N, C-alpha and C. Protein backbone atom coordinates (compact mmCIF):
# COMPACT_ATOMS: atom_id res chain seq x y z
N MET A 1 103.28 95.50 116.24
CA MET A 1 103.58 96.29 115.35
C MET A 1 102.58 94.99 113.73
N ILE A 2 101.84 95.39 113.25
CA ILE A 2 101.37 94.68 112.03
C ILE A 2 101.59 95.42 111.17
N SER A 3 102.34 95.00 110.07
CA SER A 3 102.61 95.61 108.62
C SER A 3 102.24 94.61 107.06
N LEU A 4 101.80 95.69 106.92
CA LEU A 4 101.16 95.67 105.10
C LEU A 4 102.30 94.97 103.91
N GLU A 5 102.28 94.18 103.11
CA GLU A 5 103.14 93.71 102.16
C GLU A 5 102.33 93.14 100.72
N ILE A 6 102.68 94.73 100.21
CA ILE A 6 101.91 94.48 98.43
C ILE A 6 102.97 94.25 97.43
N CYS A 7 102.05 92.92 96.87
CA CYS A 7 103.04 92.47 95.52
C CYS A 7 102.48 93.10 94.32
N ALA A 8 103.89 93.72 93.69
CA ALA A 8 103.40 95.03 92.50
C ALA A 8 104.14 94.31 91.33
N ASN A 9 103.08 94.46 90.64
CA ASN A 9 103.55 93.93 88.90
C ASN A 9 104.40 95.16 88.38
N SER A 10 104.76 95.85 88.74
CA SER A 10 105.00 97.06 88.31
C SER A 10 105.69 98.54 89.02
N VAL A 11 106.54 99.53 88.97
CA VAL A 11 106.51 100.67 89.50
C VAL A 11 105.15 101.51 89.37
N THR A 12 104.65 101.46 88.74
CA THR A 12 103.28 101.78 88.77
C THR A 12 102.72 101.49 89.52
N SER A 13 102.36 100.80 90.05
CA SER A 13 101.88 99.86 91.13
C SER A 13 102.43 99.94 92.47
N ALA A 14 103.84 99.58 92.10
CA ALA A 14 104.53 99.91 94.02
C ALA A 14 104.06 101.23 94.10
N LEU A 15 103.83 102.26 93.24
CA LEU A 15 103.76 104.02 94.01
C LEU A 15 102.10 103.47 94.27
N ILE A 16 101.61 103.04 93.82
CA ILE A 16 99.79 102.97 94.43
C ILE A 16 100.13 102.30 96.04
N ALA A 17 101.06 101.63 96.02
CA ALA A 17 101.30 100.60 97.28
C ALA A 17 101.64 102.04 98.40
N GLN A 18 102.57 102.28 98.15
CA GLN A 18 102.98 103.25 98.89
C GLN A 18 102.36 104.67 99.25
N GLN A 19 101.75 105.22 98.17
CA GLN A 19 99.94 105.96 98.08
C GLN A 19 99.37 105.72 99.47
N GLY A 20 99.22 103.94 99.30
CA GLY A 20 97.92 103.71 99.96
C GLY A 20 97.94 103.19 101.74
N GLY A 21 99.17 103.20 101.86
CA GLY A 21 100.11 103.17 103.13
C GLY A 21 100.80 101.20 103.89
N ALA A 22 100.94 100.83 102.33
CA ALA A 22 101.61 99.49 102.57
C ALA A 22 103.45 100.25 103.54
N ASN A 23 104.11 98.95 104.11
CA ASN A 23 104.82 98.99 104.53
C ASN A 23 105.84 98.45 103.36
N ARG A 24 105.71 97.40 102.13
CA ARG A 24 107.00 97.07 101.86
C ARG A 24 106.15 96.78 100.65
N VAL A 25 106.71 96.73 99.10
CA VAL A 25 106.58 96.29 98.22
C VAL A 25 107.64 95.35 97.79
N GLU A 26 106.62 94.02 97.18
CA GLU A 26 107.56 93.20 96.78
C GLU A 26 107.31 93.12 95.42
N LEU A 27 108.59 93.47 94.69
CA LEU A 27 107.92 93.57 92.79
C LEU A 27 108.54 92.47 92.38
N CYS A 28 107.61 92.60 91.46
CA CYS A 28 107.56 91.27 90.55
C CYS A 28 106.96 91.21 89.16
N GLU A 29 107.44 90.86 88.10
CA GLU A 29 106.77 90.72 86.67
C GLU A 29 106.19 89.31 86.97
N ASN A 30 104.92 89.63 85.44
CA ASN A 30 104.20 88.62 85.29
C ASN A 30 103.85 87.40 86.57
N LEU A 31 102.93 87.96 86.96
CA LEU A 31 101.97 87.64 87.91
C LEU A 31 101.20 86.11 87.86
N ALA A 32 100.93 86.29 86.97
CA ALA A 32 100.13 85.18 85.94
C ALA A 32 100.95 83.28 86.37
N GLU A 33 101.83 84.16 85.88
CA GLU A 33 102.81 83.24 86.90
C GLU A 33 103.72 83.06 88.06
N GLY A 34 103.07 82.98 89.32
CA GLY A 34 103.38 83.60 90.45
C GLY A 34 104.41 84.15 90.14
N GLY A 35 104.70 85.58 89.68
CA GLY A 35 105.76 86.65 89.98
C GLY A 35 106.86 85.81 89.46
N THR A 36 107.92 86.74 88.73
CA THR A 36 109.26 85.92 88.23
C THR A 36 110.26 87.65 88.09
N THR A 37 111.46 87.34 88.08
CA THR A 37 112.25 88.64 88.68
C THR A 37 111.63 90.11 87.97
N PRO A 38 111.82 91.08 88.61
CA PRO A 38 111.22 92.08 87.91
C PRO A 38 113.37 92.87 86.61
N SER A 39 112.79 93.94 85.54
CA SER A 39 113.56 93.86 84.83
C SER A 39 114.72 94.61 86.00
N TYR A 40 115.85 95.16 85.07
CA TYR A 40 116.52 96.06 85.89
C TYR A 40 116.27 97.24 85.75
N ALA A 41 115.31 98.24 84.48
CA ALA A 41 115.05 99.18 85.04
C ALA A 41 113.43 99.37 86.05
N GLN A 42 113.20 98.39 85.97
CA GLN A 42 112.23 98.41 86.72
C GLN A 42 112.15 98.76 88.69
N ILE A 43 113.51 97.78 88.98
CA ILE A 43 114.35 97.45 90.36
C ILE A 43 114.78 99.56 90.31
N GLU A 44 115.13 99.41 88.89
CA GLU A 44 116.06 100.96 89.67
C GLU A 44 115.25 102.06 89.77
N ILE A 45 113.72 102.29 88.88
CA ILE A 45 113.20 103.21 89.34
C ILE A 45 112.50 102.95 90.32
N ALA A 46 111.73 101.74 90.73
CA ALA A 46 110.99 101.32 92.20
C ALA A 46 112.24 102.47 93.04
N ARG A 47 113.59 102.02 92.97
CA ARG A 47 114.19 102.06 93.81
C ARG A 47 114.36 103.62 94.01
N LYS A 48 114.37 104.34 93.14
CA LYS A 48 114.58 105.86 92.95
C LYS A 48 113.36 106.03 93.57
N LEU A 49 112.13 105.56 93.52
CA LEU A 49 111.17 106.79 93.91
C LEU A 49 109.99 106.01 94.98
N LEU A 50 110.67 104.66 95.38
CA LEU A 50 110.17 104.25 96.40
C LEU A 50 110.91 104.74 98.18
N LYS A 51 110.42 105.25 99.51
CA LYS A 51 110.03 105.30 100.49
C LYS A 51 110.13 104.18 101.60
N ILE A 52 109.48 103.03 101.29
CA ILE A 52 109.08 102.00 101.72
C ILE A 52 109.93 100.85 101.31
N GLU A 53 109.90 100.27 102.17
CA GLU A 53 110.95 98.40 101.88
C GLU A 53 110.90 98.21 100.59
N LEU A 54 111.37 97.98 99.86
CA LEU A 54 112.18 97.19 98.35
C LEU A 54 112.26 95.75 98.28
N PHE A 55 111.34 95.02 98.34
CA PHE A 55 112.16 93.78 97.84
C PHE A 55 111.54 92.54 96.25
N PRO A 56 112.66 92.86 95.73
CA PRO A 56 112.23 91.93 94.51
C PRO A 56 111.97 90.54 94.58
N ILE A 57 111.19 90.10 93.93
CA ILE A 57 111.50 88.88 93.41
C ILE A 57 112.66 87.82 92.35
N LEU A 58 113.82 87.20 93.09
CA LEU A 58 114.46 86.15 93.00
C LEU A 58 113.64 84.82 92.12
N ARG A 59 113.18 85.29 90.64
CA ARG A 59 112.76 83.65 90.04
C ARG A 59 113.17 83.94 88.67
N PRO A 60 113.74 83.16 87.75
CA PRO A 60 114.27 83.44 86.91
C PRO A 60 112.67 82.59 85.80
N ARG A 61 112.06 81.83 86.34
CA ARG A 61 111.09 81.35 85.68
C ARG A 61 109.82 81.09 86.07
N GLY A 62 108.19 81.07 85.90
CA GLY A 62 107.52 80.39 85.97
C GLY A 62 107.64 79.09 86.14
N GLY A 63 105.99 77.95 86.66
CA GLY A 63 106.63 76.89 87.34
C GLY A 63 107.07 76.37 88.45
N ASP A 64 108.10 75.17 88.41
CA ASP A 64 108.25 74.81 89.35
C ASP A 64 109.86 75.27 90.21
N PHE A 65 109.83 75.19 91.45
CA PHE A 65 111.08 75.65 92.13
C PHE A 65 112.43 74.30 92.34
N VAL A 66 112.20 74.26 91.11
CA VAL A 66 113.99 73.14 90.95
C VAL A 66 114.09 73.14 89.91
N TYR A 67 115.16 74.33 90.06
CA TYR A 67 116.33 74.87 89.65
C TYR A 67 117.41 74.59 88.00
N SER A 68 117.44 74.35 87.29
CA SER A 68 118.92 74.02 86.87
C SER A 68 119.91 74.83 87.09
N ASP A 69 121.18 74.03 86.67
CA ASP A 69 122.53 75.09 87.50
C ASP A 69 122.88 76.52 86.26
N LEU A 70 122.17 76.66 84.97
CA LEU A 70 121.82 77.64 84.13
C LEU A 70 121.19 78.74 84.96
N GLU A 71 119.52 78.23 85.15
CA GLU A 71 119.29 79.18 86.07
C GLU A 71 119.51 79.11 87.38
N PHE A 72 120.35 78.96 87.98
CA PHE A 72 120.96 79.20 88.91
C PHE A 72 122.25 80.04 89.21
N GLU A 73 122.90 80.61 88.45
CA GLU A 73 123.55 80.83 87.66
C GLU A 73 122.90 82.24 87.19
N ILE A 74 121.90 82.68 86.98
CA ILE A 74 120.80 83.82 86.70
C ILE A 74 120.21 83.79 87.81
N MET A 75 119.75 83.11 88.80
CA MET A 75 119.67 83.97 90.10
C MET A 75 120.73 84.43 90.41
N LYS A 76 121.87 84.21 91.02
CA LYS A 76 122.72 84.43 91.58
C LYS A 76 122.98 85.98 90.49
N ALA A 77 123.28 86.17 89.69
CA ALA A 77 123.57 87.26 88.47
C ALA A 77 122.67 88.20 89.01
N ASP A 78 120.91 88.52 89.16
CA ASP A 78 119.87 89.13 88.88
C ASP A 78 120.00 89.39 91.26
N LEU A 79 120.37 88.70 91.83
CA LEU A 79 120.89 89.39 93.02
C LEU A 79 121.97 89.89 93.40
N THR A 80 122.82 89.75 92.55
CA THR A 80 124.08 90.95 92.64
C THR A 80 123.39 92.18 91.93
N ILE A 81 123.09 91.83 90.97
CA ILE A 81 122.26 93.46 90.60
C ILE A 81 121.16 94.18 91.61
N ILE A 82 120.30 93.32 92.01
CA ILE A 82 119.63 93.98 93.16
C ILE A 82 119.97 94.28 94.52
N LYS A 83 121.11 93.79 94.83
CA LYS A 83 122.04 94.28 95.67
C LYS A 83 122.77 95.63 95.51
N GLU A 84 122.94 95.95 94.04
CA GLU A 84 123.83 96.86 93.78
C GLU A 84 123.03 98.19 93.74
N LEU A 85 121.89 97.57 93.42
CA LEU A 85 120.96 98.62 93.22
C LEU A 85 119.92 99.41 94.59
N GLY A 86 120.45 98.81 95.64
CA GLY A 86 120.25 99.52 96.66
C GLY A 86 118.96 99.17 97.21
N CYS A 87 118.27 98.17 97.14
CA CYS A 87 116.41 97.27 97.29
C CYS A 87 117.14 96.97 99.23
N ASP A 88 116.27 96.42 100.08
CA ASP A 88 116.34 96.17 101.23
C ASP A 88 115.89 94.88 101.24
N GLY A 89 115.42 93.90 100.33
CA GLY A 89 115.46 92.80 100.82
C GLY A 89 115.42 92.41 99.40
N VAL A 90 115.21 90.95 99.30
CA VAL A 90 114.82 89.82 98.11
C VAL A 90 113.92 89.02 98.14
N VAL A 91 113.44 88.33 97.12
CA VAL A 91 113.11 86.76 97.93
C VAL A 91 112.90 86.08 96.85
N PHE A 92 112.98 84.93 97.64
CA PHE A 92 113.05 83.48 96.34
C PHE A 92 112.89 82.34 97.79
N GLY A 93 112.67 81.31 96.96
CA GLY A 93 112.29 79.83 97.49
C GLY A 93 113.40 78.75 96.35
N ILE A 94 113.89 78.04 96.96
CA ILE A 94 114.49 76.72 96.04
C ILE A 94 114.23 75.41 96.51
N LEU A 95 113.43 74.25 95.77
CA LEU A 95 113.18 73.05 96.59
C LEU A 95 114.47 72.02 95.20
N ASP A 96 114.41 71.05 96.18
CA ASP A 96 115.32 70.22 95.44
C ASP A 96 114.06 68.96 94.85
N GLN A 97 114.32 67.87 94.05
CA GLN A 97 114.00 67.26 93.48
C GLN A 97 112.68 66.48 94.50
N ASP A 98 112.92 66.07 95.97
CA ASP A 98 112.64 65.48 96.46
C ASP A 98 111.23 66.41 97.23
N GLY A 99 111.38 67.40 97.23
CA GLY A 99 110.71 68.41 97.50
C GLY A 99 110.61 69.12 99.08
N ASN A 100 112.45 69.11 99.27
CA ASN A 100 112.82 69.33 100.33
C ASN A 100 113.17 70.61 100.10
N VAL A 101 113.73 71.67 101.02
CA VAL A 101 114.23 72.74 100.95
C VAL A 101 115.95 72.70 100.57
N ASP A 102 116.06 73.05 99.43
CA ASP A 102 117.43 72.82 98.69
C ASP A 102 118.51 73.99 99.75
N LYS A 103 118.85 73.13 100.92
CA LYS A 103 120.18 73.96 101.34
C LYS A 103 121.31 74.78 101.20
N HIS A 104 121.60 73.99 100.25
CA HIS A 104 122.82 74.37 99.82
C HIS A 104 123.06 75.52 98.54
N ARG A 105 122.03 75.53 97.46
CA ARG A 105 121.72 76.66 97.04
C ARG A 105 121.05 78.27 97.25
N CYS A 106 119.95 77.32 98.92
CA CYS A 106 119.79 78.40 99.40
C CYS A 106 121.00 79.24 100.31
N ALA A 107 121.74 78.16 101.36
CA ALA A 107 122.88 79.03 101.43
C ALA A 107 123.78 79.67 101.00
N GLU A 108 124.06 79.21 100.37
CA GLU A 108 124.83 80.65 98.67
C GLU A 108 124.30 81.54 98.58
N LEU A 109 122.87 81.25 97.92
CA LEU A 109 122.06 83.12 97.97
C LEU A 109 121.93 83.43 99.50
N LEU A 110 121.85 83.39 100.01
CA LEU A 110 121.71 83.94 101.84
C LEU A 110 123.29 84.56 101.80
N LYS A 111 124.27 83.87 101.47
CA LYS A 111 125.58 84.75 101.60
C LYS A 111 125.61 85.98 101.36
N LEU A 112 125.34 85.49 99.52
CA LEU A 112 125.42 86.41 98.38
C LEU A 112 124.71 87.80 98.87
N ALA A 113 123.49 87.36 99.37
CA ALA A 113 122.49 88.12 99.70
C ALA A 113 122.61 89.50 100.80
N GLN A 114 123.60 89.19 101.45
CA GLN A 114 123.63 89.72 102.65
C GLN A 114 124.30 91.36 102.71
N PRO A 115 123.75 92.41 103.41
CA PRO A 115 123.25 92.11 104.31
C PRO A 115 122.04 92.10 104.56
N LEU A 116 120.96 92.16 103.08
CA LEU A 116 119.50 92.26 102.81
C LEU A 116 118.61 91.20 103.68
N GLN A 117 117.27 91.14 104.41
CA GLN A 117 116.35 90.25 104.56
C GLN A 117 116.00 89.72 103.38
N VAL A 118 115.85 88.84 103.51
CA VAL A 118 115.40 87.39 102.98
C VAL A 118 114.67 87.12 103.03
N THR A 119 113.03 86.55 102.40
CA THR A 119 112.05 86.07 102.18
C THR A 119 111.53 84.76 101.30
N PHE A 120 111.94 84.02 101.91
CA PHE A 120 111.57 82.10 101.22
C PHE A 120 109.90 82.48 101.24
N HIS A 121 109.26 82.36 99.65
CA HIS A 121 108.44 82.92 99.03
C HIS A 121 107.46 81.55 98.98
N ARG A 122 106.52 81.36 98.49
CA ARG A 122 105.95 80.17 98.62
C ARG A 122 106.09 78.65 98.06
N ALA A 123 107.28 78.90 97.44
CA ALA A 123 107.71 77.43 97.10
C ALA A 123 107.70 76.49 98.60
N PHE A 124 107.75 77.11 99.65
CA PHE A 124 107.62 76.64 100.69
C PHE A 124 106.30 76.39 100.87
N ASP A 125 105.24 76.34 99.97
CA ASP A 125 103.87 75.75 99.95
C ASP A 125 104.22 74.22 99.28
N LYS A 126 104.90 74.26 98.68
CA LYS A 126 105.15 73.10 97.48
C LYS A 126 105.82 72.10 98.00
N SER A 127 106.91 72.25 99.52
CA SER A 127 107.39 71.07 100.01
C SER A 127 106.96 69.94 100.88
N ALA A 128 107.49 69.33 100.67
CA ALA A 128 107.00 67.46 101.37
C ALA A 128 106.88 67.77 102.06
N ASN A 129 107.21 68.76 103.31
CA ASN A 129 106.61 68.94 104.87
C ASN A 129 107.06 69.76 105.31
N LEU A 130 105.79 70.56 105.68
CA LEU A 130 106.29 71.99 105.80
C LEU A 130 106.84 72.23 107.48
N PHE A 131 106.09 71.55 108.62
CA PHE A 131 107.53 71.90 109.32
C PHE A 131 108.90 71.88 109.43
N GLN A 132 109.02 70.38 108.38
CA GLN A 132 110.67 70.55 108.53
C GLN A 132 111.06 71.62 107.40
N ALA A 133 110.02 71.52 106.58
CA ALA A 133 110.81 73.64 105.95
C ALA A 133 110.62 74.02 106.69
N LEU A 134 109.68 74.31 107.19
CA LEU A 134 110.38 75.75 108.80
C LEU A 134 111.51 75.79 109.24
N GLU A 135 111.30 74.40 109.92
CA GLU A 135 112.88 74.27 110.70
C GLU A 135 114.19 74.37 109.64
N ASP A 136 114.12 73.84 108.48
CA ASP A 136 115.67 74.26 107.42
C ASP A 136 115.54 75.77 106.72
N ILE A 137 114.46 76.28 106.92
CA ILE A 137 114.33 77.84 107.02
C ILE A 137 114.76 78.25 107.79
N ILE A 138 114.19 78.39 108.78
CA ILE A 138 114.83 79.45 109.93
C ILE A 138 116.35 78.25 110.59
N ALA A 139 116.68 77.97 110.15
CA ALA A 139 118.25 76.99 110.23
C ALA A 139 118.84 77.65 109.20
N LEU A 140 118.59 78.16 108.10
CA LEU A 140 119.62 79.17 107.37
C LEU A 140 119.59 80.38 107.53
N GLY A 141 118.70 80.80 108.12
CA GLY A 141 118.80 82.62 108.36
C GLY A 141 118.16 83.40 107.57
N PHE A 142 117.09 82.71 106.95
CA PHE A 142 115.89 83.67 106.76
C PHE A 142 115.32 84.43 107.40
N SER A 143 114.67 85.38 106.83
CA SER A 143 113.85 86.56 107.96
C SER A 143 112.22 86.42 108.17
N ARG A 144 111.43 85.57 106.83
CA ARG A 144 110.41 85.38 107.03
C ARG A 144 109.88 84.37 105.91
N ILE A 145 108.67 84.26 106.22
CA ILE A 145 108.14 82.80 105.06
C ILE A 145 106.73 83.79 104.59
N LEU A 146 106.65 83.08 103.06
CA LEU A 146 105.31 83.62 102.85
C LEU A 146 104.81 82.56 102.95
N THR A 147 103.53 82.35 103.13
CA THR A 147 102.31 81.00 102.80
C THR A 147 101.34 81.13 103.09
N SER A 148 100.33 80.03 102.68
CA SER A 148 99.22 79.95 102.40
C SER A 148 98.88 78.65 102.67
N GLY A 149 99.70 78.09 103.85
CA GLY A 149 99.45 77.45 104.65
C GLY A 149 99.54 75.51 103.68
N GLY A 150 100.51 75.90 102.84
CA GLY A 150 99.86 74.50 102.10
C GLY A 150 98.84 74.26 100.85
N LYS A 151 97.98 75.68 100.99
CA LYS A 151 96.07 75.46 100.55
C LYS A 151 96.60 76.37 99.24
N PRO A 152 95.31 76.55 98.55
CA PRO A 152 95.45 77.85 97.38
C PRO A 152 95.80 79.25 97.66
N THR A 153 94.83 79.06 98.98
CA THR A 153 94.75 80.49 99.49
C THR A 153 94.87 79.94 101.39
N VAL A 154 95.18 81.84 102.04
CA VAL A 154 94.88 81.59 103.39
C VAL A 154 94.35 81.46 103.97
N ILE A 155 92.59 81.11 103.85
CA ILE A 155 91.55 80.99 104.36
C ILE A 155 91.25 79.32 104.61
N GLU A 156 92.03 78.78 102.98
CA GLU A 156 92.00 77.32 103.14
C GLU A 156 92.96 77.00 103.96
N GLY A 157 93.57 76.99 104.09
CA GLY A 157 95.21 77.26 104.94
C GLY A 157 95.31 77.97 106.12
N ILE A 158 94.67 78.21 106.83
CA ILE A 158 94.14 79.30 108.11
C ILE A 158 94.52 78.54 109.32
N GLU A 159 94.30 77.18 109.07
CA GLU A 159 94.73 76.55 110.62
C GLU A 159 96.45 76.28 110.27
N THR A 160 96.29 75.65 109.32
CA THR A 160 97.95 75.35 108.96
C THR A 160 99.46 76.47 109.62
N ILE A 161 98.33 77.59 108.99
CA ILE A 161 98.90 78.85 109.66
C ILE A 161 99.46 79.13 110.76
N THR A 162 98.04 79.16 111.37
CA THR A 162 98.06 79.00 112.90
C THR A 162 99.48 78.21 113.40
N LYS A 163 99.25 77.16 112.96
CA LYS A 163 100.12 76.14 113.90
C LYS A 163 101.65 76.32 113.18
N LEU A 164 102.20 77.19 112.41
CA LEU A 164 103.33 77.63 111.75
C LEU A 164 103.35 78.86 112.18
N VAL A 165 102.56 79.75 112.81
CA VAL A 165 103.01 80.69 113.22
C VAL A 165 103.53 80.33 115.04
N SER A 166 102.66 79.22 115.59
CA SER A 166 102.96 78.88 117.09
C SER A 166 104.13 77.73 117.09
N ALA A 167 104.67 77.20 115.40
CA ALA A 167 105.68 75.86 116.06
C ALA A 167 106.96 77.28 115.81
N ALA A 168 107.18 78.37 115.04
CA ALA A 168 107.98 79.39 114.93
C ALA A 168 108.08 80.11 116.22
N LYS A 169 107.78 80.11 116.78
CA LYS A 169 108.31 80.49 118.21
C LYS A 169 109.19 82.03 118.80
N GLY A 170 108.58 82.85 117.33
CA GLY A 170 109.31 84.01 117.01
C GLY A 170 110.53 83.63 116.67
N ARG A 171 111.07 82.52 116.34
CA ARG A 171 112.03 82.62 115.52
C ARG A 171 112.38 83.07 114.09
N ILE A 172 111.24 83.25 113.30
CA ILE A 172 111.26 83.74 112.30
C ILE A 172 109.42 84.06 111.45
N SER A 173 109.64 85.16 111.18
CA SER A 173 108.15 85.63 110.74
C SER A 173 107.27 85.00 109.76
N ILE A 174 106.44 84.69 109.90
CA ILE A 174 105.54 83.63 109.05
C ILE A 174 104.09 84.87 108.50
N MET A 175 104.51 85.01 106.83
CA MET A 175 104.10 85.87 106.19
C MET A 175 102.67 85.45 105.48
N PRO A 176 100.92 85.42 106.60
CA PRO A 176 100.58 85.34 105.27
C PRO A 176 100.35 85.25 103.73
N GLY A 177 100.25 84.73 102.59
CA GLY A 177 99.65 85.55 101.71
C GLY A 177 98.81 84.91 100.87
N SER A 178 98.00 84.96 99.62
CA SER A 178 97.51 84.03 98.97
C SER A 178 95.53 84.28 99.08
N GLY A 179 95.17 85.64 98.33
CA GLY A 179 93.75 85.62 99.07
C GLY A 179 93.48 86.34 100.19
N VAL A 180 94.86 87.54 100.46
CA VAL A 180 94.05 88.63 101.60
C VAL A 180 93.87 89.50 101.26
N ASN A 181 92.73 89.88 102.06
CA ASN A 181 91.46 91.10 100.96
C ASN A 181 90.90 91.48 102.34
N GLU A 182 90.43 92.83 101.98
CA GLU A 182 90.11 93.48 103.14
C GLU A 182 88.26 92.49 103.87
N ASN A 183 87.91 91.34 103.09
CA ASN A 183 87.17 90.70 103.85
C ASN A 183 87.85 89.72 104.70
N ASN A 184 88.73 88.96 104.71
CA ASN A 184 89.23 88.21 105.62
C ASN A 184 90.20 88.82 106.48
N LEU A 185 90.54 89.85 106.02
CA LEU A 185 92.54 90.32 106.93
C LEU A 185 91.98 89.99 108.66
N ASP A 186 90.71 90.67 108.91
CA ASP A 186 90.38 91.01 110.65
C ASP A 186 90.64 89.45 110.72
N GLU A 187 90.64 88.14 110.28
CA GLU A 187 89.86 87.01 110.97
C GLU A 187 91.57 86.56 110.73
N LEU A 188 91.90 86.59 109.78
CA LEU A 188 93.70 86.14 109.66
C LEU A 188 94.35 86.81 110.92
N ILE A 189 94.48 87.86 111.20
CA ILE A 189 95.17 88.53 112.14
C ILE A 189 94.96 88.12 113.68
N ILE A 190 93.43 87.26 113.58
CA ILE A 190 93.44 87.56 114.96
C ILE A 190 93.69 85.63 115.12
N GLU A 191 92.79 84.88 114.52
CA GLU A 191 93.33 83.70 114.26
C GLU A 191 94.91 83.08 114.49
N THR A 192 95.61 83.85 113.36
CA THR A 192 97.11 83.22 113.61
C THR A 192 98.02 84.12 113.75
N GLY A 193 97.75 84.80 114.78
CA GLY A 193 99.21 85.47 115.12
C GLY A 193 99.81 86.31 114.79
N ALA A 194 100.00 86.46 113.24
CA ALA A 194 100.91 86.91 112.08
C ALA A 194 100.48 88.37 112.38
N THR A 195 101.58 88.78 111.84
CA THR A 195 101.88 89.72 112.31
C THR A 195 102.71 90.78 110.58
N GLU A 196 102.74 90.01 109.69
CA GLU A 196 103.01 90.55 108.14
C GLU A 196 102.12 89.71 107.55
N PHE A 197 101.62 90.36 107.00
CA PHE A 197 100.52 89.70 105.67
C PHE A 197 100.91 89.92 104.16
N HIS A 198 100.85 89.67 103.30
CA HIS A 198 101.15 90.06 101.99
C HIS A 198 99.64 89.44 101.38
N THR A 199 99.80 90.58 99.91
CA THR A 199 98.54 90.32 98.84
C THR A 199 98.58 91.22 98.11
N THR A 200 98.52 90.90 96.93
CA THR A 200 98.58 91.96 95.15
C THR A 200 97.57 93.40 95.66
N ALA A 201 96.70 93.20 96.01
CA ALA A 201 95.45 93.95 96.17
C ALA A 201 94.82 94.76 94.90
N LYS A 202 94.92 94.24 93.90
CA LYS A 202 95.01 94.47 92.25
C LYS A 202 93.36 94.17 91.96
N SER A 203 93.15 95.16 90.69
CA SER A 203 91.82 95.61 90.05
C SER A 203 92.10 95.15 88.61
N VAL A 204 91.38 94.81 87.81
CA VAL A 204 91.73 94.78 86.61
C VAL A 204 91.42 95.77 85.16
N ILE A 205 92.03 96.64 85.17
CA ILE A 205 92.35 98.26 84.01
C ILE A 205 92.10 97.34 83.14
N GLN A 206 91.13 98.11 82.61
CA GLN A 206 90.49 97.64 80.91
C GLN A 206 90.55 98.81 79.47
N ASN A 207 90.87 99.36 79.00
CA ASN A 207 91.37 100.53 78.37
C ASN A 207 90.02 100.44 77.13
N ALA A 208 88.90 101.16 77.03
CA ALA A 208 87.95 101.01 77.03
C ALA A 208 88.18 101.45 75.18
N SER A 209 89.26 100.99 74.21
CA SER A 209 89.53 101.65 73.03
C SER A 209 89.82 100.16 72.97
N THR A 210 90.23 99.16 73.43
CA THR A 210 90.60 97.90 73.35
C THR A 210 90.16 96.49 73.91
N ASP A 211 89.78 95.66 72.81
CA ASP A 211 88.57 94.49 73.81
C ASP A 211 89.45 93.74 75.56
N SER A 212 88.91 92.99 75.67
CA SER A 212 88.85 92.62 77.16
C SER A 212 90.13 91.72 77.23
N GLU A 213 90.53 90.99 75.63
CA GLU A 213 91.93 90.37 75.99
C GLU A 213 93.14 91.16 76.63
N TYR A 214 93.11 92.32 76.20
CA TYR A 214 94.38 92.95 76.98
C TYR A 214 94.04 94.02 77.73
N CYS A 215 93.44 93.59 78.90
CA CYS A 215 93.10 94.08 79.70
C CYS A 215 94.81 94.33 80.39
N ARG A 216 94.30 94.77 81.96
CA ARG A 216 96.07 94.44 81.95
C ARG A 216 95.48 94.58 83.67
N GLU A 217 96.22 94.61 85.32
CA GLU A 217 96.31 94.43 86.56
C GLU A 217 96.93 95.29 87.13
N LEU A 218 96.10 96.02 88.38
CA LEU A 218 97.02 96.91 88.54
C LEU A 218 96.70 97.15 90.35
N THR A 219 97.16 97.73 91.27
CA THR A 219 97.65 98.15 92.50
C THR A 219 96.30 98.49 92.24
N ASP A 220 95.12 98.19 93.31
CA ASP A 220 94.07 99.25 93.89
C ASP A 220 94.25 100.52 95.12
N LEU A 221 94.38 101.15 94.94
CA LEU A 221 94.69 102.50 95.79
C LEU A 221 93.35 102.22 97.10
N LYS A 222 92.55 102.05 96.72
CA LYS A 222 91.33 101.88 97.61
C LYS A 222 91.36 100.46 97.92
N LYS A 223 92.31 99.70 98.15
CA LYS A 223 92.38 98.03 98.84
C LYS A 223 93.10 98.77 98.93
N VAL A 224 94.94 98.97 98.89
CA VAL A 224 95.37 99.49 99.95
C VAL A 224 95.32 100.17 100.95
N LYS A 225 94.32 100.90 100.49
CA LYS A 225 94.48 101.83 101.91
C LYS A 225 93.04 100.94 102.84
N ASN A 226 91.67 100.42 102.51
CA ASN A 226 91.28 99.41 103.25
C ASN A 226 91.81 98.62 104.46
N LEU A 227 93.09 98.08 103.38
CA LEU A 227 94.14 96.73 103.93
C LEU A 227 95.09 97.18 105.26
N ALA A 228 95.36 98.56 105.05
CA ALA A 228 95.79 99.94 105.86
C ALA A 228 95.23 100.01 106.65
N ASP A 229 93.92 100.55 106.88
CA ASP A 229 93.36 100.90 108.06
C ASP A 229 92.58 99.90 108.98
N ILE A 230 92.37 98.35 108.53
CA ILE A 230 92.38 97.21 109.11
C ILE A 230 93.12 97.11 109.58
N ILE A 231 94.35 97.22 109.35
CA ILE A 231 95.75 97.55 109.97
C ILE A 231 96.34 97.90 111.16
N GLU A 232 96.06 99.17 110.63
CA GLU A 232 95.83 100.33 111.62
C GLU A 232 95.00 100.45 113.05
N ARG A 233 93.84 99.84 112.78
CA ARG A 233 92.99 99.19 114.35
C ARG A 233 93.85 98.40 114.83
N HIS A 234 94.41 97.59 114.86
CA HIS A 234 95.01 96.39 115.29
C HIS A 234 96.07 96.24 115.86
N SER A 235 96.64 97.42 115.08
CA SER A 235 97.86 97.78 115.86
C SER A 235 97.54 98.87 116.97
């Protein structure tokens, strides 16, 4: 079975994702920064209203994926809240100064996260060696890896994604993300062999009474439905 994860920037977007047929929501704030940990209220209300899986991102700031001791303490505190609020999983990724997976810190968070599912996010794409990072992440016990194959978009990284799926040998789910859309999902399903896909499926919303500087982004119901329909045909 193939599943669809929508990266939602608010409770409103998460509810649209559910309505459109998504299987899971990755809840974030600050998508322009690549996603940061959503507020307590966003997580709490999303959990109350969603019937599908909810995975908040655990990322204290934008930028790189090498964190200070203080930032790591914040991540642990946020993870405790995510568990207390009854989420199904969590999404994080930590690298060291050399671009390797920070196995010590990841192991600490994984232990704290139990029994939640855990996704290693696109910090993976910034690792020094994708295939070594794959083995490290598998050994640590993550549930899945979100990746664009080390490239800006999944289409640019499709060859590497296919190799990662093959190298994983079913030990972990490789979930393509970054640029997944209605025009390329068929190709991605056929070429990569992946069974989970991640996208924002968003559109820009602008209130007629405000100028373009204050537009906002929201999950697009039609886009989600179209993606879900493509997946249903393949499933």
